[in-house]
Amino acid sequence: MVRMIRGGARQIGEGHLFLMQALAGLPFFLCAPLQAFGLSVPRHLPSASNKSSSAFSEQSSALPEIPQVAVAGFPPETQKQVEKAYAQVRRFPRDAEAVGKMGMLLDLYHHPVEAGACYRRAHLLQPAKFKWMYYWGALYLNQKNGEEAVSVLTLALRLRPDYLAARLKLGEALVEAGKIDQASKVYEVILRDDPRTAEAYYGLGRVDAARGDQAAAVGKFRKACELFPTYGAAHYGMSMAYRRLGKISEAEEQAKLHERNQYIVPPVADPYRDELRALDMSAASHLDRGVELEQVGRMEDAIAETERALQLDPSLVKAHVNLLILYARTGNVK
């Protein structure tokens, strides 16, 4: 079978995103116990008697600076969009929506340090808004900064404790941070609320594997695959667990299933992610999304994403190749 070509992520830089100021800006009334998640309030969160904390977000000197943005360093098809957003945030530096949108664009176009600074500033300007904390925590998680992601997502969930996508990200962040007992509690609560959440079973499989209980891990990964048969990561997890158990033939079978479904994950409603993606004018991003859609059999959507990539960057050779493959598979001659 002819494989479609992924655009490939642009290289992203490393950097430390300062956490203390954003956490200090969170109103104290949002610091109710998190027993439902098996978590506690971060110790550095200000107490009710700390009078300065309530005024923290009002002190312009406490806000992180708006990052310098070199528009010329962005993909050509995105530069007008970035330039317009940057001009807006420079004109209205205390407008949380403008600052947050700048963070979203920086996040999309792989400038994580600058994106984090914008999300932090937007949060301090608008501390009761879930969106900025959620994006900020997800950014940490994408950068494999599990400890920081746990802190931010824990606080985000005080604002929207029912937001499943954030709960799943918190579980993932806890696993990344090595806090597997807490991760287990998060996933168990999710399954208590909805026993058909495949990603929670996958998370519990990772927990069991980290504990060294490979047989239990196989059971959890298998349950995830029963709920969503093309769950690539769960097949991979099962393959690794079988291999550790010495069951090589079973491991190889699962490895083949992973290879066929490598990028496929269960759909989880996430309107905030969708809002972020809607801003994406990077041709490479649309190209990659087209590949992902093709892999789950959504051929017409894959064609639409690939055509969008070509609209944004007509010189993108990979998009031309993928579009020819998609047209051939669907019998669509253009």
C-alpha atoms as a PDB file:
ATOM      1  CA  MET A   1       0.000   0.000   0.000  1.00  0.00           C
ATOM      2  CA  VAL A   2       1.238   3.496  -0.823  1.00  0.00           C
ATOM      3  CA  ARG A   3       1.679   5.473   2.381  1.00  0.00           C
ATOM      4  CA  MET A   4       0.710   9.103   2.700  1.00  0.00           C
ATOM      5  CA  ILE A   5       3.432  11.512   3.819  1.00  0.00           C
ATOM      6  CA  ARG A   6       3.297  13.447   7.060  1.00  0.00           C
ATOM      7  CA  GLY A   7       4.466  17.044   7.110  1.00  0.00           C
ATOM      8  CA  GLY A   8       6.541  16.625  10.255  1.00  0.00           C
ATOM      9  CA  ALA A   9       6.598  19.021  13.179  1.00  0.00           C
ATOM     10  CA  ARG A  10       8.997  21.926  13.058  1.00  0.00           C
ATOM     11  CA  GLN A  11      11.715  21.833  15.653  1.00  0.00           C
ATOM     12  CA  ILE A  12      10.678  23.471  18.906  1.00  0.00           C
ATOM     13  CA  GLY A  13      12.839  25.037  21.539  1.00  0.00           C
ATOM     14  CA  GLU A  14      13.194  24.139  25.180  1.00  0.00           C
ATOM     15  CA  GLY A  15      12.566  26.558  28.013  1.00  0.00           C
ATOM     16  CA  HIS A  16      11.361  26.878  31.571  1.00  0.00           C
ATOM     17  CA  LEU A  17       7.863  28.324  31.992  1.00  0.00           C
ATOM     18  CA  PHE A  18       7.620  30.103  35.343  1.00  0.00           C
ATOM     19  CA  LEU A  19       4.695  28.754  37.361  1.00  0.00           C
ATOM     20  CA  MET A  20       4.607  30.598  40.670  1.00  0.00           C
ATOM     21  CA  GLN A  21       3.017  33.851  39.484  1.00  0.00           C
ATOM     22  CA  ALA A  22       0.123  32.171  37.705  1.00  0.00           C
ATOM     23  CA  LEU A  23      -0.700  29.971  40.674  1.00  0.00           C
ATOM     24  CA  ALA A  24      -0.575  32.970  42.994  1.00  0.00           C
ATOM     25  CA  GLY A  25      -3.153  34.699  40.807  1.00  0.00           C
ATOM     26  CA  LEU A  26      -5.797  32.025  41.324  1.00  0.00           C
ATOM     27  CA  PRO A  27      -8.640  33.215  43.609  1.00  0.00           C
ATOM     28  CA  PHE A  28      -8.649  31.386  46.944  1.00  0.00           C
ATOM     29  CA  PHE A  29     -12.304  30.386  46.653  1.00  0.00           C
ATOM     30  CA  LEU A  30     -11.251  28.008  43.882  1.00  0.00           C
ATOM     31  CA  CYS A  31      -8.996  26.043  46.233  1.00  0.00           C
ATOM     32  CA  ALA A  32     -11.568  23.569  47.554  1.00  0.00           C
ATOM     33  CA  PRO A  33     -10.255  20.062  48.260  1.00  0.00           C
ATOM     34  CA  LEU A  34      -9.680  17.805  45.269  1.00  0.00           C
ATOM     35  CA  GLN A  35     -10.493  14.493  46.960  1.00  0.00           C
ATOM     36  CA  ALA A  36     -12.372  13.398  43.851  1.00  0.00           C
ATOM     37  CA  PHE A  37      -9.081  13.438  41.958  1.00  0.00           C
ATOM     38  CA  GLY A  38      -6.934  12.119  44.794  1.00  0.00           C
ATOM     39  CA  LEU A  39      -4.939  15.355  44.692  1.00  0.00           C
ATOM     40  CA  SER A  40      -4.082  18.188  47.041  1.00  0.00           C
ATOM     41  CA  VAL A  41      -3.559  21.915  46.651  1.00  0.00           C
ATOM     42  CA  PRO A  42       0.012  22.776  45.632  1.00  0.00           C
ATOM     43  CA  ARG A  43       1.807  24.061  48.737  1.00  0.00           C
ATOM     44  CA  HIS A  44       2.897  27.271  47.082  1.00  0.00           C
ATOM     45  CA  LEU A  45      -0.706  28.406  46.515  1.00  0.00           C
ATOM     46  CA  PRO A  46      -1.430  31.487  48.704  1.00  0.00           C
ATOM     47  CA  SER A  47      -3.569  31.092  51.793  1.00  0.00           C
ATOM     48  CA  ALA A  48      -6.768  32.985  52.535  1.00  0.00           C
ATOM     49  CA  SER A  49      -4.879  35.236  54.934  1.00  0.00           C
ATOM     50  CA  ASN A  50      -2.433  36.302  52.254  1.00  0.00           C
ATOM     51  CA  LYS A  51      -3.937  39.673  51.395  1.00  0.00           C
ATOM     52  CA  SER A  52      -1.414  40.398  48.691  1.00  0.00           C
ATOM     53  CA  SER A  53      -2.521  37.402  46.640  1.00  0.00           C
ATOM     54  CA  SER A  54      -5.937  38.871  45.845  1.00  0.00           C
ATOM     55  CA  ALA A  55      -4.293  41.932  44.373  1.00  0.00           C
ATOM     56  CA  PHE A  56      -1.581  39.992  42.576  1.00  0.00           C
ATOM     57  CA  SER A  57      -3.274  39.912  39.202  1.00  0.00           C
ATOM     58  CA  GLU A  58      -4.020  43.617  39.460  1.00  0.00           C
ATOM     59  CA  GLN A  59      -0.351  44.563  39.761  1.00  0.00           C
ATOM     60  CA  SER A  60       0.972  45.243  36.278  1.00  0.00           C
ATOM     61  CA  SER A  61       4.508  44.787  37.620  1.00  0.00           C
ATOM     62  CA  ALA A  62       3.626  41.180  38.523  1.00  0.00           C
ATOM     63  CA  LEU A  63       2.552  40.336  34.988  1.00  0.00           C
ATOM     64  CA  PRO A  64       5.062  38.620  32.723  1.00  0.00           C
ATOM     65  CA  GLU A  65       6.185  40.748  29.831  1.00  0.00           C
ATOM     66  CA  ILE A  66       4.574  40.253  26.449  1.00  0.00           C
ATOM     67  CA  PRO A  67       7.174  38.209  24.561  1.00  0.00           C
ATOM     68  CA  GLN A  68       9.012  39.627  21.591  1.00  0.00           C
ATOM     69  CA  VAL A  69       7.724  38.017  18.408  1.00  0.00           C
ATOM     70  CA  ALA A  70       9.776  37.897  15.209  1.00  0.00           C
ATOM     71  CA  VAL A  71       7.021  37.491  12.631  1.00  0.00           C
ATOM     72  CA  ALA A  72       9.496  36.652   9.870  1.00  0.00           C
ATOM     73  CA  GLY A  73      10.343  33.426  11.683  1.00  0.00           C
ATOM     74  CA  PHE A  74       6.852  31.980  11.213  1.00  0.00           C
ATOM     75  CA  PRO A  75       5.646  29.968   8.204  1.00  0.00           C
ATOM     76  CA  PRO A  76       4.885  32.438   5.388  1.00  0.00           C
ATOM     77  CA  GLU A  77       1.211  31.496   5.210  1.00  0.00           C
ATOM     78  CA  THR A  78       0.749  32.383   8.907  1.00  0.00           C
ATOM     79  CA  GLN A  79       2.643  35.659   9.076  1.00  0.00           C
ATOM     80  CA  LYS A  80      -0.247  38.061   8.456  1.00  0.00           C
ATOM     81  CA  GLN A  81      -2.317  36.295  11.105  1.00  0.00           C
ATOM     82  CA  VAL A  82       0.517  36.454  13.654  1.00  0.00           C
ATOM     83  CA  GLU A  83       1.350  40.064  12.791  1.00  0.00           C
ATOM     84  CA  LYS A  84      -2.267  41.149  13.314  1.00  0.00           C
ATOM     85  CA  ALA A  85      -2.557  39.346  16.660  1.00  0.00           C
ATOM     86  CA  TYR A  86       0.782  40.741  17.836  1.00  0.00           C
ATOM     87  CA  ALA A  87      -0.230  44.299  16.937  1.00  0.00           C
ATOM     88  CA  GLN A  88      -3.464  43.823  18.890  1.00  0.00           C
ATOM     89  CA  VAL A  89      -1.726  42.572  22.010  1.00  0.00           C
ATOM     90  CA  ARG A  90       0.848  45.374  21.861  1.00  0.00           C
ATOM     91  CA  ARG A  91      -1.974  47.883  21.619  1.00  0.00           C
ATOM     92  CA  PHE A  92      -4.069  46.296  24.385  1.00  0.00           C
ATOM     93  CA  PRO A  93      -1.574  44.541  26.688  1.00  0.00           C
ATOM     94  CA  ARG A  94      -4.131  44.085  29.483  1.00  0.00           C
ATOM     95  CA  ASP A  95      -6.786  42.513  27.262  1.00  0.00           C
ATOM     96  CA  ALA A  96      -6.778  38.863  28.379  1.00  0.00           C
ATOM     97  CA  GLU A  97      -8.496  37.674  25.208  1.00  0.00           C
ATOM     98  CA  ALA A  98      -5.922  39.355  22.969  1.00  0.00           C
ATOM     99  CA  VAL A  99      -3.030  38.053  25.064  1.00  0.00           C
ATOM    100  CA  GLY A 100      -4.516  34.561  25.205  1.00  0.00           C
ATOM    101  CA  LYS A 101      -5.089  34.473  21.448  1.00  0.00           C
ATOM    102  CA  MET A 102      -1.458  35.446  20.920  1.00  0.00           C
ATOM    103  CA  GLY A 103      -0.542  32.523  23.152  1.00  0.00           C
ATOM    104  CA  MET A 104      -2.721  30.195  21.095  1.00  0.00           C
ATOM    105  CA  LEU A 105      -0.960  31.182  17.878  1.00  0.00           C
ATOM    106  CA  LEU A 106       2.458  30.819  19.465  1.00  0.00           C
ATOM    107  CA  ASP A 107       1.370  27.424  20.761  1.00  0.00           C
ATOM    108  CA  LEU A 108       0.123  26.288  17.351  1.00  0.00           C
ATOM    109  CA  TYR A 109       3.247  27.442  15.561  1.00  0.00           C
ATOM    110  CA  HIS A 110       5.698  25.800  17.964  1.00  0.00           C
ATOM    111  CA  HIS A 111       6.957  28.647  20.143  1.00  0.00           C
ATOM    112  CA  PRO A 112       6.257  27.035  23.536  1.00  0.00           C
ATOM    113  CA  VAL A 113       8.208  29.384  25.809  1.00  0.00           C
ATOM    114  CA  GLU A 114       6.523  32.483  24.394  1.00  0.00           C
ATOM    115  CA  ALA A 115       3.133  30.746  24.335  1.00  0.00           C
ATOM    116  CA  GLY A 116       3.505  29.850  28.009  1.00  0.00           C
ATOM    117  CA  ALA A 117       4.287  33.454  28.910  1.00  0.00           C
ATOM    118  CA  CYS A 118       1.132  34.615  27.119  1.00  0.00           C
ATOM    119  CA  TYR A 119      -1.066  31.964  28.737  1.00  0.00           C
ATOM    120  CA  ARG A 120       0.335  32.906  32.146  1.00  0.00           C
ATOM    121  CA  ARG A 121      -0.297  36.608  31.534  1.00  0.00           C
ATOM    122  CA  ALA A 122      -3.822  35.914  30.228  1.00  0.00           C
ATOM    123  CA  HIS A 123      -4.530  33.815  33.328  1.00  0.00           C
ATOM    124  CA  LEU A 124      -3.347  36.564  35.672  1.00  0.00           C
ATOM    125  CA  LEU A 125      -5.550  39.062  33.842  1.00  0.00           C
ATOM    126  CA  GLN A 126      -8.524  36.681  33.854  1.00  0.00           C
ATOM    127  CA  PRO A 127      -7.911  34.210  36.727  1.00  0.00           C
ATOM    128  CA  ALA A 128     -11.358  32.611  36.711  1.00  0.00           C
ATOM    129  CA  LYS A 129     -11.144  31.611  33.037  1.00  0.00           C
ATOM    130  CA  PHE A 130     -10.584  27.883  32.537  1.00  0.00           C
ATOM    131  CA  LYS A 131      -9.345  28.157  28.966  1.00  0.00           C
ATOM    132  CA  TRP A 132      -5.981  29.779  29.658  1.00  0.00           C
ATOM    133  CA  MET A 133      -5.069  27.317  32.407  1.00  0.00           C
ATOM    134  CA  TYR A 134      -6.151  24.377  30.243  1.00  0.00           C
ATOM    135  CA  TYR A 135      -4.077  25.475  27.264  1.00  0.00           C
ATOM    136  CA  TRP A 136      -1.132  26.215  29.536  1.00  0.00           C
ATOM    137  CA  GLY A 137      -1.294  22.810  31.208  1.00  0.00           C
ATOM    138  CA  ALA A 138      -1.679  21.055  27.849  1.00  0.00           C
ATOM    139  CA  LEU A 139       1.361  22.962  26.581  1.00  0.00           C
ATOM    140  CA  TYR A 140       3.424  21.710  29.524  1.00  0.00           C
ATOM    141  CA  LEU A 141       2.218  18.166  28.847  1.00  0.00           C
ATOM    142  CA  ASN A 142       3.123  18.391  25.159  1.00  0.00           C
ATOM    143  CA  GLN A 143       6.608  19.474  26.243  1.00  0.00           C
ATOM    144  CA  LYS A 144       6.850  16.405  28.546  1.00  0.00           C
ATOM    145  CA  ASN A 145       6.998  18.649  31.622  1.00  0.00           C
ATOM    146  CA  GLY A 146       4.831  16.383  33.758  1.00  0.00           C
ATOM    147  CA  GLU A 147       5.338  18.093  37.121  1.00  0.00           C
ATOM    148  CA  GLU A 148       4.370  21.524  35.803  1.00  0.00           C
ATOM    149  CA  ALA A 149       1.457  20.083  33.823  1.00  0.00           C
ATOM    150  CA  VAL A 150       0.104  18.431  36.976  1.00  0.00           C
ATOM    151  CA  SER A 151       0.169  21.715  38.916  1.00  0.00           C
ATOM    152  CA  VAL A 152      -1.541  23.758  36.213  1.00  0.00           C
ATOM    153  CA  LEU A 153      -4.121  21.140  35.174  1.00  0.00           C
ATOM    154  CA  THR A 154      -5.018  20.482  38.819  1.00  0.00           C
ATOM    155  CA  LEU A 155      -5.884  24.143  39.210  1.00  0.00           C
ATOM    156  CA  ALA A 156      -7.663  24.281  35.852  1.00  0.00           C
ATOM    157  CA  LEU A 157      -9.926  21.454  36.991  1.00  0.00           C
ATOM    158  CA  ARG A 158     -11.081  23.541  39.937  1.00  0.00           C
ATOM    159  CA  LEU A 159     -12.714  25.765  37.352  1.00  0.00           C
ATOM    160  CA  ARG A 160     -14.160  22.937  35.219  1.00  0.00           C
ATOM    161  CA  PRO A 161     -14.060  19.685  37.245  1.00  0.00           C
ATOM    162  CA  ASP A 162     -16.291  17.952  34.687  1.00  0.00           C
ATOM    163  CA  TYR A 163     -14.104  18.601  31.629  1.00  0.00           C
ATOM    164  CA  LEU A 164     -13.134  15.094  30.541  1.00  0.00           C
ATOM    165  CA  ALA A 165     -10.292  16.069  28.211  1.00  0.00           C
ATOM    166  CA  ALA A 166      -8.579  17.954  31.052  1.00  0.00           C
ATOM    167  CA  ARG A 167      -9.088  15.036  33.449  1.00  0.00           C
ATOM    168  CA  LEU A 168      -7.476  12.657  30.965  1.00  0.00           C
ATOM    169  CA  LYS A 169      -4.572  15.051  30.454  1.00  0.00           C
ATOM    170  CA  LEU A 170      -4.127  15.275  34.219  1.00  0.00           C
ATOM    171  CA  GLY A 171      -3.936  11.492  34.440  1.00  0.00           C
ATOM    172  CA  GLU A 172      -1.362  11.446  31.643  1.00  0.00           C
ATOM    173  CA  ALA A 173       0.655  14.202  33.327  1.00  0.00           C
ATOM    174  CA  LEU A 174       0.670  12.289  36.612  1.00  0.00           C
ATOM    175  CA  VAL A 175       2.005   9.203  34.832  1.00  0.00           C
ATOM    176  CA  GLU A 176       4.673  11.325  33.124  1.00  0.00           C
ATOM    177  CA  ALA A 177       5.615  12.763  36.536  1.00  0.00           C
ATOM    178  CA  GLY A 178       5.882   9.289  38.055  1.00  0.00           C
ATOM    179  CA  LYS A 179       2.911   9.848  40.380  1.00  0.00           C
ATOM    180  CA  ILE A 180       1.249   6.604  39.427  1.00  0.00           C
ATOM    181  CA  ASP A 181      -0.899   6.166  42.543  1.00  0.00           C
ATOM    182  CA  GLN A 182      -2.499   9.565  41.984  1.00  0.00           C
ATOM    183  CA  ALA A 183      -2.872   8.826  38.275  1.00  0.00           C
ATOM    184  CA  SER A 184      -4.681   5.601  39.134  1.00  0.00           C
ATOM    185  CA  LYS A 185      -7.174   7.509  41.285  1.00  0.00           C
ATOM    186  CA  VAL A 186      -7.848  10.001  38.496  1.00  0.00           C
ATOM    187  CA  TYR A 187      -8.530   7.248  35.957  1.00  0.00           C
ATOM    188  CA  GLU A 188     -10.677   5.250  38.385  1.00  0.00           C
ATOM    189  CA  VAL A 189     -12.897   8.277  39.024  1.00  0.00           C
ATOM    190  CA  ILE A 190     -13.248   8.838  35.273  1.00  0.00           C
ATOM    191  CA  LEU A 191     -14.344   5.222  34.788  1.00  0.00           C
ATOM    192  CA  ARG A 192     -16.754   5.471  37.672  1.00  0.00           C
ATOM    193  CA  ASP A 193     -18.399   8.378  35.851  1.00  0.00           C
ATOM    194  CA  ASP A 194     -18.226   6.726  32.404  1.00  0.00           C
ATOM    195  CA  PRO A 195     -17.135   3.067  32.221  1.00  0.00           C
ATOM    196  CA  ARG A 196     -16.742   3.277  28.432  1.00  0.00           C
ATOM    197  CA  THR A 197     -13.821   5.715  28.449  1.00  0.00           C
ATOM    198  CA  ALA A 198     -11.150   3.793  26.546  1.00  0.00           C
ATOM    199  CA  GLU A 199      -8.407   6.319  27.327  1.00  0.00           C
ATOM    200  CA  ALA A 200      -8.899   5.797  31.069  1.00  0.00           C
ATOM    201  CA  TYR A 201      -8.360   2.040  30.676  1.00  0.00           C
ATOM    202  CA  TYR A 202      -5.265   2.806  28.625  1.00  0.00           C
ATOM    203  CA  GLY A 203      -4.030   5.076  31.420  1.00  0.00           C
ATOM    204  CA  LEU A 204      -4.618   2.355  34.010  1.00  0.00           C
ATOM    205  CA  GLY A 205      -2.682  -0.036  31.780  1.00  0.00           C
ATOM    206  CA  ARG A 206       0.267   2.349  31.872  1.00  0.00           C
ATOM    207  CA  VAL A 207      -0.071   2.540  35.656  1.00  0.00           C
ATOM    208  CA  ASP A 208      -0.045  -1.264  35.990  1.00  0.00           C
ATOM    209  CA  ALA A 209       2.950  -1.506  33.658  1.00  0.00           C
ATOM    210  CA  ALA A 210       4.825   1.082  35.736  1.00  0.00           C
ATOM    211  CA  ARG A 211       4.070  -0.960  38.854  1.00  0.00           C
ATOM    212  CA  GLY A 212       5.512  -4.032  37.180  1.00  0.00           C
ATOM    213  CA  ASP A 213       2.193  -5.899  36.976  1.00  0.00           C
ATOM    214  CA  GLN A 214       2.320  -6.783  33.289  1.00  0.00           C
ATOM    215  CA  ALA A 215      -0.580  -9.253  33.427  1.00  0.00           C
ATOM    216  CA  ALA A 216      -2.872  -6.579  34.859  1.00  0.00           C
ATOM    217  CA  ALA A 217      -1.576  -4.116  32.257  1.00  0.00           C
ATOM    218  CA  VAL A 218      -2.520  -6.517  29.451  1.00  0.00           C
ATOM    219  CA  GLY A 219      -6.045  -6.709  30.853  1.00  0.00           C
ATOM    220  CA  LYS A 220      -6.427  -2.927  30.946  1.00  0.00           C
ATOM    221  CA  PHE A 221      -4.973  -2.425  27.469  1.00  0.00           C
ATOM    222  CA  ARG A 222      -7.209  -5.184  26.123  1.00  0.00           C
ATOM    223  CA  LYS A 223     -10.274  -3.494  27.627  1.00  0.00           C
ATOM    224  CA  ALA A 224      -9.254  -0.213  25.974  1.00  0.00           C
ATOM    225  CA  CYS A 225      -9.001  -2.020  22.630  1.00  0.00           C
ATOM    226  CA  GLU A 226     -12.372  -3.705  23.130  1.00  0.00           C
ATOM    227  CA  LEU A 227     -13.920  -0.265  23.553  1.00  0.00           C
ATOM    228  CA  PHE A 228     -11.950   1.198  20.625  1.00  0.00           C
ATOM    229  CA  PRO A 229     -10.442  -1.571  18.443  1.00  0.00           C
ATOM    230  CA  THR A 230      -8.106   0.681  16.430  1.00  0.00           C
ATOM    231  CA  TYR A 231      -6.501   2.288  19.499  1.00  0.00           C
ATOM    232  CA  GLY A 232      -2.877   2.302  18.367  1.00  0.00           C
ATOM    233  CA  ALA A 233      -1.220   3.261  21.656  1.00  0.00           C
ATOM    234  CA  ALA A 234      -3.169   0.602  23.568  1.00  0.00           C
ATOM    235  CA  HIS A 235      -2.037  -2.067  21.094  1.00  0.00           C
ATOM    236  CA  TYR A 236       1.527  -0.871  21.581  1.00  0.00           C
ATOM    237  CA  GLY A 237       1.168  -0.999  25.371  1.00  0.00           C
ATOM    238  CA  MET A 238      -0.222  -4.526  25.145  1.00  0.00           C
ATOM    239  CA  SER A 239       2.629  -5.553  22.866  1.00  0.00           C
ATOM    240  CA  MET A 240       5.226  -4.311  25.338  1.00  0.00           C
ATOM    241  CA  ALA A 241       3.476  -5.971  28.295  1.00  0.00           C
ATOM    242  CA  TYR A 242       3.258  -9.299  26.445  1.00  0.00           C
ATOM    243  CA  ARG A 243       6.942  -9.031  25.568  1.00  0.00           C
ATOM    244  CA  ARG A 244       7.856  -8.539  29.234  1.00  0.00           C
ATOM    245  CA  LEU A 245       5.771 -11.608  30.055  1.00  0.00           C
ATOM    246  CA  GLY A 246       7.728 -13.613  27.489  1.00  0.00           C
ATOM    247  CA  LYS A 247       4.698 -14.067  25.210  1.00  0.00           C
ATOM    248  CA  ILE A 248       6.460 -13.165  21.990  1.00  0.00           C
ATOM    249  CA  SER A 249       3.829 -14.296  19.454  1.00  0.00           C
ATOM    250  CA  GLU A 250       1.113 -12.290  21.218  1.00  0.00           C
ATOM    251  CA  ALA A 251       3.489  -9.325  21.422  1.00  0.00           C
ATOM    252  CA  GLU A 252       4.186  -9.458  17.688  1.00  0.00           C
ATOM    253  CA  GLU A 253       0.483  -9.660  16.868  1.00  0.00           C
ATOM    254  CA  GLN A 254      -0.197  -6.527  18.915  1.00  0.00           C
ATOM    255  CA  ALA A 255       2.816  -4.778  17.380  1.00  0.00           C
ATOM    256  CA  LYS A 256       1.319  -5.338  13.921  1.00  0.00           C
ATOM    257  CA  LEU A 257      -2.004  -3.878  15.073  1.00  0.00           C
ATOM    258  CA  HIS A 258      -0.144  -0.878  16.452  1.00  0.00           C
ATOM    259  CA  GLU A 259       1.684  -0.389  13.161  1.00  0.00           C
ATOM    260  CA  ARG A 260      -1.620  -0.354  11.248  1.00  0.00           C
ATOM    261  CA  ASN A 261      -3.249   2.068  13.697  1.00  0.00           C
ATOM    262  CA  GLN A 262      -0.247   4.007  14.919  1.00  0.00           C
ATOM    263  CA  TYR A 263      -1.790   7.476  15.139  1.00  0.00           C
ATOM    264  CA  ILE A 264      -5.392   6.560  15.899  1.00  0.00           C
ATOM    265  CA  VAL A 265      -6.842   7.500  19.287  1.00  0.00           C
ATOM    266  CA  PRO A 266     -10.407   7.427  20.617  1.00  0.00           C
ATOM    267  CA  PRO A 267     -12.399  10.593  19.938  1.00  0.00           C
ATOM    268  CA  VAL A 268     -12.846  12.762  23.040  1.00  0.00           C
ATOM    269  CA  ALA A 269     -15.008  15.870  22.936  1.00  0.00           C
ATOM    270  CA  ASP A 270     -12.722  18.861  23.439  1.00  0.00           C
ATOM    271  CA  PRO A 271     -14.233  22.166  22.261  1.00  0.00           C
ATOM    272  CA  TYR A 272     -11.205  24.110  23.495  1.00  0.00           C
ATOM    273  CA  ARG A 273      -8.851  21.992  21.385  1.00  0.00           C
ATOM    274  CA  ASP A 274     -11.178  22.523  18.430  1.00  0.00           C
ATOM    275  CA  GLU A 275     -11.115  26.282  19.029  1.00  0.00           C
ATOM    276  CA  LEU A 276      -7.325  26.198  19.037  1.00  0.00           C
ATOM    277  CA  ARG A 277      -7.145  24.130  15.852  1.00  0.00           C
ATOM    278  CA  ALA A 278      -9.579  26.450  14.092  1.00  0.00           C
ATOM    279  CA  LEU A 279      -6.926  29.181  14.244  1.00  0.00           C
ATOM    280  CA  ASP A 280      -4.295  27.001  12.577  1.00  0.00           C
ATOM    281  CA  MET A 281      -3.193  28.371   9.208  1.00  0.00           C
ATOM    282  CA  SER A 282      -0.049  26.262   8.940  1.00  0.00           C
ATOM    283  CA  ALA A 283      -0.046  24.156   5.778  1.00  0.00           C
ATOM    284  CA  ALA A 284       2.049  21.468   7.498  1.00  0.00           C
ATOM    285  CA  SER A 285      -0.545  21.096  10.256  1.00  0.00           C
ATOM    286  CA  HIS A 286      -3.380  20.589   7.772  1.00  0.00           C
ATOM    287  CA  LEU A 287      -1.233  18.118   5.853  1.00  0.00           C
ATOM    288  CA  ASP A 288      -0.639  16.056   9.007  1.00  0.00           C
ATOM    289  CA  ARG A 289      -4.311  16.204   9.937  1.00  0.00           C
ATOM    290  CA  GLY A 290      -5.178  14.880   6.499  1.00  0.00           C
ATOM    291  CA  VAL A 291      -2.896  11.896   7.105  1.00  0.00           C
ATOM    292  CA  GLU A 292      -4.529  11.223  10.472  1.00  0.00           C
ATOM    293  CA  LEU A 293      -8.020  11.383   8.968  1.00  0.00           C
ATOM    294  CA  GLU A 294      -7.021   9.028   6.156  1.00  0.00           C
ATOM    295  CA  GLN A 295      -5.809   6.512   8.709  1.00  0.00           C
ATOM    296  CA  VAL A 296      -9.217   6.374  10.395  1.00  0.00           C
ATOM    297  CA  GLY A 297     -11.029   6.042   7.066  1.00  0.00           C
ATOM    298  CA  ARG A 298     -12.426   9.588   6.890  1.00  0.00           C
ATOM    299  CA  MET A 299     -11.357  10.005   3.282  1.00  0.00           C
ATOM    300  CA  GLU A 300     -13.452  13.031   2.335  1.00  0.00           C
ATOM    301  CA  ASP A 301     -12.288  14.909   5.431  1.00  0.00           C
ATOM    302  CA  ALA A 302      -8.708  13.896   4.625  1.00  0.00           C
ATOM    303  CA  ILE A 303      -9.097  15.314   1.125  1.00  0.00           C
ATOM    304  CA  ALA A 304     -10.525  18.564   2.520  1.00  0.00           C
ATOM    305  CA  GLU A 305      -7.598  18.988   4.938  1.00  0.00           C
ATOM    306  CA  THR A 306      -5.026  18.216   2.253  1.00  0.00           C
ATOM    307  CA  GLU A 307      -6.669  20.626  -0.181  1.00  0.00           C
ATOM    308  CA  ARG A 308      -6.603  23.250   2.572  1.00  0.00           C
ATOM    309  CA  ALA A 309      -2.868  22.639   3.000  1.00  0.00           C
ATOM    310  CA  LEU A 310      -2.378  23.322  -0.712  1.00  0.00           C
ATOM    311  CA  GLN A 311      -4.482  26.470  -0.553  1.00  0.00           C
ATOM    312  CA  LEU A 312      -2.228  27.766   2.211  1.00  0.00           C
ATOM    313  CA  ASP A 313       1.004  26.674   0.518  1.00  0.00           C
ATOM    314  CA  PRO A 314       0.661  25.686  -3.176  1.00  0.00           C
ATOM    315  CA  SER A 315       4.358  24.723  -3.274  1.00  0.00           C
ATOM    316  CA  LEU A 316       3.968  21.962  -0.668  1.00  0.00           C
ATOM    317  CA  VAL A 317       5.061  18.879  -2.632  1.00  0.00           C
ATOM    318  CA  LYS A 318       3.929  16.407   0.041  1.00  0.00           C
ATOM    319  CA  ALA A 319       0.390  17.763  -0.182  1.00  0.00           C
ATOM    320  CA  HIS A 320       0.311  17.255  -3.958  1.00  0.00           C
ATOM    321  CA  VAL A 321       1.498  13.655  -3.532  1.00  0.00           C
ATOM    322  CA  ASN A 322      -0.984  12.884  -0.755  1.00  0.00           C
ATOM    323  CA  LEU A 323      -3.848  14.406  -2.703  1.00  0.00           C
ATOM    324  CA  LEU A 324      -3.094  12.189  -5.695  1.00  0.00           C
ATOM    325  CA  ILE A 325      -3.094   9.146  -3.386  1.00  0.00           C
ATOM    326  CA  LEU A 326      -6.406  10.187  -1.837  1.00  0.00           C
ATOM    327  CA  TYR A 327      -8.016  10.844  -5.213  1.00  0.00           C
ATOM    328  CA  ALA A 328      -6.868   7.428  -6.444  1.00  0.00           C
ATOM    329  CA  ARG A 329      -8.267   5.657  -3.400  1.00  0.00           C
ATOM    330  CA  THR A 330     -11.642   7.362  -3.645  1.00  0.00           C
ATOM    331  CA  GLY A 331     -11.918   7.240  -7.440  1.00  0.00           C
ATOM    332  CA  ASN A 332     -12.026  11.017  -7.446  1.00  0.00           C
ATOM    333  CA  VAL A 333     -10.379  12.249 -10.661  1.00  0.00           C
ATOM    334  CA  LYS A 334      -9.665  15.969 -10.763  1.00  0.00           C
END
